Amino acid sequence: MIEKTMKIGELLEKYPEKAEILLNAGMHCLGCPASREETLEEACDVHGIEVEELIQELNA
């Protein structure tokens, strides 16, 4: 289960297939070392993405 407190790096290690969803949502900096230490919620805040909607899509 993916939660908003999960770090981007952890999410991509456990669920690499979810990268496409993040890219489609507008997170084009997944390869950036700093982004891997951000939580999903922090990344959504930076990119203006509704975190709860993204989590629903990631967990679908």
PDB file of N, CA and C in Angstrom:
ATOM      1  N   MET A   1       0.847  -1.184   0.000  1.00  0.00           N
ATOM      2  CA  MET A   1       0.000   0.000   0.000  1.00  0.00           C
ATOM      3  C   MET A   1       0.886   1.237   0.000  1.00  0.00           C
ATOM      4  N   ILE A   2       0.633   2.119  -0.923  1.00  0.00           N
ATOM      5  CA  ILE A   2       1.393   3.354  -1.048  1.00  0.00           C
ATOM      6  C   ILE A   2       0.695   4.438  -0.235  1.00  0.00           C
ATOM      7  N   GLU A   3       1.477   5.149   0.583  1.00  0.00           N
ATOM      8  CA  GLU A   3       0.951   6.218   1.417  1.00  0.00           C
ATOM      9  C   GLU A   3       1.699   7.508   1.122  1.00  0.00           C
ATOM     10  N   LYS A   4       1.120   8.638   1.509  1.00  0.00           N
ATOM     11  CA  LYS A   4       1.718   9.937   1.204  1.00  0.00           C
ATOM     12  C   LYS A   4       3.026  10.174   1.945  1.00  0.00           C
ATOM     13  N   THR A   5       3.304   9.422   2.991  1.00  0.00           N
ATOM     14  CA  THR A   5       4.548   9.575   3.746  1.00  0.00           C
ATOM     15  C   THR A   5       5.689   8.740   3.154  1.00  0.00           C
ATOM     16  N   MET A   6       5.397   7.930   2.142  1.00  0.00           N
ATOM     17  CA  MET A   6       6.427   7.099   1.509  1.00  0.00           C
ATOM     18  C   MET A   6       7.353   7.984   0.687  1.00  0.00           C
ATOM     19  N   LYS A   7       8.644   7.715   0.787  1.00  0.00           N
ATOM     20  CA  LYS A   7       9.611   8.472  -0.010  1.00  0.00           C
ATOM     21  C   LYS A   7       9.572   7.996  -1.457  1.00  0.00           C
ATOM     22  N   ILE A   8       9.830   8.922  -2.371  1.00  0.00           N
ATOM     23  CA  ILE A   8       9.804   8.613  -3.796  1.00  0.00           C
ATOM     24  C   ILE A   8      10.782   7.483  -4.113  1.00  0.00           C
ATOM     25  N   GLY A   9      11.972   7.523  -3.539  1.00  0.00           N
ATOM     26  CA  GLY A   9      12.959   6.474  -3.776  1.00  0.00           C
ATOM     27  C   GLY A   9      12.461   5.111  -3.349  1.00  0.00           C
ATOM     28  N   GLU A  10      11.836   5.037  -2.184  1.00  0.00           N
ATOM     29  CA  GLU A  10      11.286   3.778  -1.676  1.00  0.00           C
ATOM     30  C   GLU A  10      10.158   3.281  -2.581  1.00  0.00           C
ATOM     31  N   LEU A  11       9.301   4.201  -2.985  1.00  0.00           N
ATOM     32  CA  LEU A  11       8.181   3.852  -3.861  1.00  0.00           C
ATOM     33  C   LEU A  11       8.708   3.237  -5.164  1.00  0.00           C
ATOM     34  N   LEU A  12       9.720   3.881  -5.764  1.00  0.00           N
ATOM     35  CA  LEU A  12      10.248   3.396  -7.037  1.00  0.00           C
ATOM     36  C   LEU A  12      11.017   2.087  -6.895  1.00  0.00           C
ATOM     37  N   GLU A  13      11.639   1.864  -5.736  1.00  0.00           N
ATOM     38  CA  GLU A  13      12.333   0.590  -5.501  1.00  0.00           C
ATOM     39  C   GLU A  13      11.332  -0.551  -5.365  1.00  0.00           C
ATOM     40  N   LYS A  14      10.255  -0.319  -4.626  1.00  0.00           N
ATOM     41  CA  LYS A  14       9.253  -1.361  -4.399  1.00  0.00           C
ATOM     42  C   LYS A  14       8.323  -1.554  -5.593  1.00  0.00           C
ATOM     43  N   TYR A  15       7.991  -0.457  -6.259  1.00  0.00           N
ATOM     44  CA  TYR A  15       7.003  -0.496  -7.338  1.00  0.00           C
ATOM     45  C   TYR A  15       7.523   0.264  -8.570  1.00  0.00           C
ATOM     46  N   PRO A  16       8.562  -0.224  -9.231  1.00  0.00           N
ATOM     47  CA  PRO A  16       9.126   0.514 -10.373  1.00  0.00           C
ATOM     48  C   PRO A  16       8.120   0.762 -11.493  1.00  0.00           C
ATOM     49  N   GLU A  17       7.111  -0.073 -11.587  1.00  0.00           N
ATOM     50  CA  GLU A  17       6.087   0.097 -12.621  1.00  0.00           C
ATOM     51  C   GLU A  17       5.219   1.334 -12.394  1.00  0.00           C
ATOM     52  N   LYS A  18       5.290   1.920 -11.194  1.00  0.00           N
ATOM     53  CA  LYS A  18       4.493   3.111 -10.873  1.00  0.00           C
ATOM     54  C   LYS A  18       5.143   4.400 -11.378  1.00  0.00           C
ATOM     55  N   ALA A  19       6.378   4.322 -11.876  1.00  0.00           N
ATOM     56  CA  ALA A  19       7.071   5.511 -12.376  1.00  0.00           C
ATOM     57  C   ALA A  19       6.271   6.185 -13.484  1.00  0.00           C
ATOM     58  N   GLU A  20       5.651   5.400 -14.342  1.00  0.00           N
ATOM     59  CA  GLU A  20       4.873   5.965 -15.449  1.00  0.00           C
ATOM     60  C   GLU A  20       3.722   6.820 -14.936  1.00  0.00           C
ATOM     61  N   ILE A  21       3.069   6.388 -13.868  1.00  0.00           N
ATOM     62  CA  ILE A  21       1.966   7.159 -13.284  1.00  0.00           C
ATOM     63  C   ILE A  21       2.490   8.487 -12.742  1.00  0.00           C
ATOM     64  N   LEU A  22       3.638   8.448 -12.067  1.00  0.00           N
ATOM     65  CA  LEU A  22       4.218   9.673 -11.522  1.00  0.00           C
ATOM     66  C   LEU A  22       4.621  10.623 -12.643  1.00  0.00           C
ATOM     67  N   LEU A  23       5.223  10.091 -13.700  1.00  0.00           N
ATOM     68  CA  LEU A  23       5.620  10.928 -14.835  1.00  0.00           C
ATOM     69  C   LEU A  23       4.404  11.550 -15.501  1.00  0.00           C
ATOM     70  N   ASN A  24       3.354  10.756 -15.688  1.00  0.00           N
ATOM     71  CA  ASN A  24       2.126  11.270 -16.310  1.00  0.00           C
ATOM     72  C   ASN A  24       1.452  12.335 -15.451  1.00  0.00           C
ATOM     73  N   ALA A  25       1.660  12.270 -14.139  1.00  0.00           N
ATOM     74  CA  ALA A  25       1.081  13.258 -13.225  1.00  0.00           C
ATOM     75  C   ALA A  25       1.865  14.572 -13.243  1.00  0.00           C
ATOM     76  N   GLY A  26       3.075  14.556 -13.818  1.00  0.00           N
ATOM     77  CA  GLY A  26       3.868  15.770 -13.901  1.00  0.00           C
ATOM     78  C   GLY A  26       5.149  15.769 -13.096  1.00  0.00           C
ATOM     79  N   MET A  27       5.490  14.630 -12.508  1.00  0.00           N
ATOM     80  CA  MET A  27       6.741  14.520 -11.748  1.00  0.00           C
ATOM     81  C   MET A  27       7.843  14.028 -12.685  1.00  0.00           C
ATOM     82  N   HIS A  28       8.485  14.979 -13.362  1.00  0.00           N
ATOM     83  CA  HIS A  28       9.494  14.629 -14.355  1.00  0.00           C
ATOM     84  C   HIS A  28      10.906  14.616 -13.780  1.00  0.00           C
ATOM     85  N   CYS A  29      11.030  14.732 -12.475  1.00  0.00           N
ATOM     86  CA  CYS A  29      12.354  14.791 -11.852  1.00  0.00           C
ATOM     87  C   CYS A  29      12.653  13.530 -11.041  1.00  0.00           C
ATOM     88  N   LEU A  30      12.121  12.402 -11.446  1.00  0.00           N
ATOM     89  CA  LEU A  30      12.291  11.178 -10.667  1.00  0.00           C
ATOM     90  C   LEU A  30      13.743  10.730 -10.583  1.00  0.00           C
ATOM     91  N   GLY A  31      14.560  11.103 -11.539  1.00  0.00           N
ATOM     92  CA  GLY A  31      15.965  10.715 -11.524  1.00  0.00           C
ATOM     93  C   GLY A  31      16.837  11.609 -10.673  1.00  0.00           C
ATOM     94  N   CYS A  32      16.306  12.729 -10.240  1.00  0.00           N
ATOM     95  CA  CYS A  32      17.059  13.666  -9.416  1.00  0.00           C
ATOM     96  C   CYS A  32      17.317  13.050  -8.039  1.00  0.00           C
ATOM     97  N   PRO A  33      18.578  13.041  -7.587  1.00  0.00           N
ATOM     98  CA  PRO A  33      18.885  12.446  -6.274  1.00  0.00           C
ATOM     99  C   PRO A  33      18.075  13.052  -5.127  1.00  0.00           C
ATOM    100  N   ALA A  34      17.844  14.352  -5.156  1.00  0.00           N
ATOM    101  CA  ALA A  34      17.096  14.996  -4.068  1.00  0.00           C
ATOM    102  C   ALA A  34      15.653  14.525  -4.031  1.00  0.00           C
ATOM    103  N   SER A  35      15.052  14.306  -5.199  1.00  0.00           N
ATOM    104  CA  SER A  35      13.641  13.916  -5.229  1.00  0.00           C
ATOM    105  C   SER A  35      13.424  12.537  -4.616  1.00  0.00           C
ATOM    106  N   ARG A  36      14.409  11.700  -4.654  1.00  0.00           N
ATOM    107  CA  ARG A  36      14.268  10.343  -4.121  1.00  0.00           C
ATOM    108  C   ARG A  36      14.113  10.354  -2.598  1.00  0.00           C
ATOM    109  N   GLU A  37      14.530  11.438  -1.958  1.00  0.00           N
ATOM    110  CA  GLU A  37      14.408  11.549  -0.505  1.00  0.00           C
ATOM    111  C   GLU A  37      13.160  12.310  -0.070  1.00  0.00           C
ATOM    112  N   GLU A  38      12.406  12.832  -1.035  1.00  0.00           N
ATOM    113  CA  GLU A  38      11.156  13.524  -0.719  1.00  0.00           C
ATOM    114  C   GLU A  38      10.050  12.496  -0.503  1.00  0.00           C
ATOM    115  N   THR A  39       9.107  12.847   0.353  1.00  0.00           N
ATOM    116  CA  THR A  39       7.922  12.006   0.471  1.00  0.00           C
ATOM    117  C   THR A  39       7.014  12.288  -0.720  1.00  0.00           C
ATOM    118  N   LEU A  40       6.095  11.392  -0.948  1.00  0.00           N
ATOM    119  CA  LEU A  40       5.136  11.581  -2.025  1.00  0.00           C
ATOM    120  C   LEU A  40       4.351  12.874  -1.800  1.00  0.00           C
ATOM    121  N   GLU A  41       3.992  13.139  -0.559  1.00  0.00           N
ATOM    122  CA  GLU A  41       3.252  14.365  -0.241  1.00  0.00           C
ATOM    123  C   GLU A  41       4.077  15.611  -0.540  1.00  0.00           C
ATOM    124  N   GLU A  42       5.351  15.610  -0.177  1.00  0.00           N
ATOM    125  CA  GLU A  42       6.213  16.762  -0.456  1.00  0.00           C
ATOM    126  C   GLU A  42       6.352  16.989  -1.956  1.00  0.00           C
ATOM    127  N   ALA A  43       6.535  15.918  -2.708  1.00  0.00           N
ATOM    128  CA  ALA A  43       6.677  16.026  -4.160  1.00  0.00           C
ATOM    129  C   ALA A  43       5.395  16.565  -4.787  1.00  0.00           C
ATOM    130  N   CYS A  44       4.259  16.117  -4.296  1.00  0.00           N
ATOM    131  CA  CYS A  44       2.983  16.615  -4.815  1.00  0.00           C
ATOM    132  C   CYS A  44       2.826  18.099  -4.527  1.00  0.00           C
ATOM    133  N   ASP A  45       3.212  18.527  -3.336  1.00  0.00           N
ATOM    134  CA  ASP A  45       3.130  19.948  -2.983  1.00  0.00           C
ATOM    135  C   ASP A  45       3.977  20.790  -3.941  1.00  0.00           C
ATOM    136  N   VAL A  46       5.185  20.335  -4.227  1.00  0.00           N
ATOM    137  CA  VAL A  46       6.096  21.070  -5.108  1.00  0.00           C
ATOM    138  C   VAL A  46       5.534  21.166  -6.527  1.00  0.00           C
ATOM    139  N   HIS A  47       4.874  20.102  -6.970  1.00  0.00           N
ATOM    140  CA  HIS A  47       4.393  20.048  -8.352  1.00  0.00           C
ATOM    141  C   HIS A  47       2.917  20.441  -8.506  1.00  0.00           C
ATOM    142  N   GLY A  48       2.270  20.823  -7.425  1.00  0.00           N
ATOM    143  CA  GLY A  48       0.874  21.240  -7.505  1.00  0.00           C
ATOM    144  C   GLY A  48      -0.077  20.108  -7.850  1.00  0.00           C
ATOM    145  N   ILE A  49       0.219  18.939  -7.323  1.00  0.00           N
ATOM    146  CA  ILE A  49      -0.582  17.744  -7.611  1.00  0.00           C
ATOM    147  C   ILE A  49      -1.379  17.380  -6.355  1.00  0.00           C
ATOM    148  N   GLU A  50      -2.633  16.995  -6.529  1.00  0.00           N
ATOM    149  CA  GLU A  50      -3.481  16.575  -5.409  1.00  0.00           C
ATOM    150  C   GLU A  50      -3.013  15.191  -4.944  1.00  0.00           C
ATOM    151  N   VAL A  51      -2.424  15.141  -3.757  1.00  0.00           N
ATOM    152  CA  VAL A  51      -1.798  13.915  -3.268  1.00  0.00           C
ATOM    153  C   VAL A  51      -2.795  12.763  -3.102  1.00  0.00           C
ATOM    154  N   GLU A  52      -3.986  13.045  -2.592  1.00  0.00           N
ATOM    155  CA  GLU A  52      -4.948  11.969  -2.355  1.00  0.00           C
ATOM    156  C   GLU A  52      -5.404  11.327  -3.674  1.00  0.00           C
ATOM    157  N   GLU A  53      -5.578  12.137  -4.705  1.00  0.00           N
ATOM    158  CA  GLU A  53      -5.970  11.596  -6.012  1.00  0.00           C
ATOM    159  C   GLU A  53      -4.858  10.730  -6.588  1.00  0.00           C
ATOM    160  N   LEU A  54      -3.615  11.186  -6.453  1.00  0.00           N
ATOM    161  CA  LEU A  54      -2.482  10.420  -6.971  1.00  0.00           C
ATOM    162  C   LEU A  54      -2.331   9.101  -6.213  1.00  0.00           C
ATOM    163  N   ILE A  55      -2.502   9.128  -4.911  1.00  0.00           N
ATOM    164  CA  ILE A  55      -2.390   7.900  -4.115  1.00  0.00           C
ATOM    165  C   ILE A  55      -3.456   6.889  -4.551  1.00  0.00           C
ATOM    166  N   GLN A  56      -4.661   7.367  -4.801  1.00  0.00           N
ATOM    167  CA  GLN A  56      -5.715   6.455  -5.268  1.00  0.00           C
ATOM    168  C   GLN A  56      -5.323   5.797  -6.584  1.00  0.00           C
ATOM    169  N   GLU A  57      -4.761   6.586  -7.489  1.00  0.00           N
ATOM    170  CA  GLU A  57      -4.345   6.034  -8.779  1.00  0.00           C
ATOM    171  C   GLU A  57      -3.186   5.050  -8.599  1.00  0.00           C
ATOM    172  N   LEU A  58      -2.236   5.392  -7.744  1.00  0.00           N
ATOM    173  CA  LEU A  58      -1.085   4.506  -7.516  1.00  0.00           C
ATOM    174  C   LEU A  58      -1.499   3.185  -6.872  1.00  0.00           C
ATOM    175  N   ASN A  59      -2.505   3.214  -6.018  1.00  0.00           N
ATOM    176  CA  ASN A  59      -2.941   2.003  -5.324  1.00  0.00           C
ATOM    177  C   ASN A  59      -4.014   1.225  -6.093  1.00  0.00           C
ATOM    178  N   ALA A  60      -4.484   1.760  -7.212  1.00  0.00           N
ATOM    179  CA  ALA A  60      -5.530   1.070  -7.984  1.00  0.00           C
ATOM    180  C   ALA A  60      -4.995  -0.191  -8.649  1.00  0.00           C
TER     181      ALA A  60
END
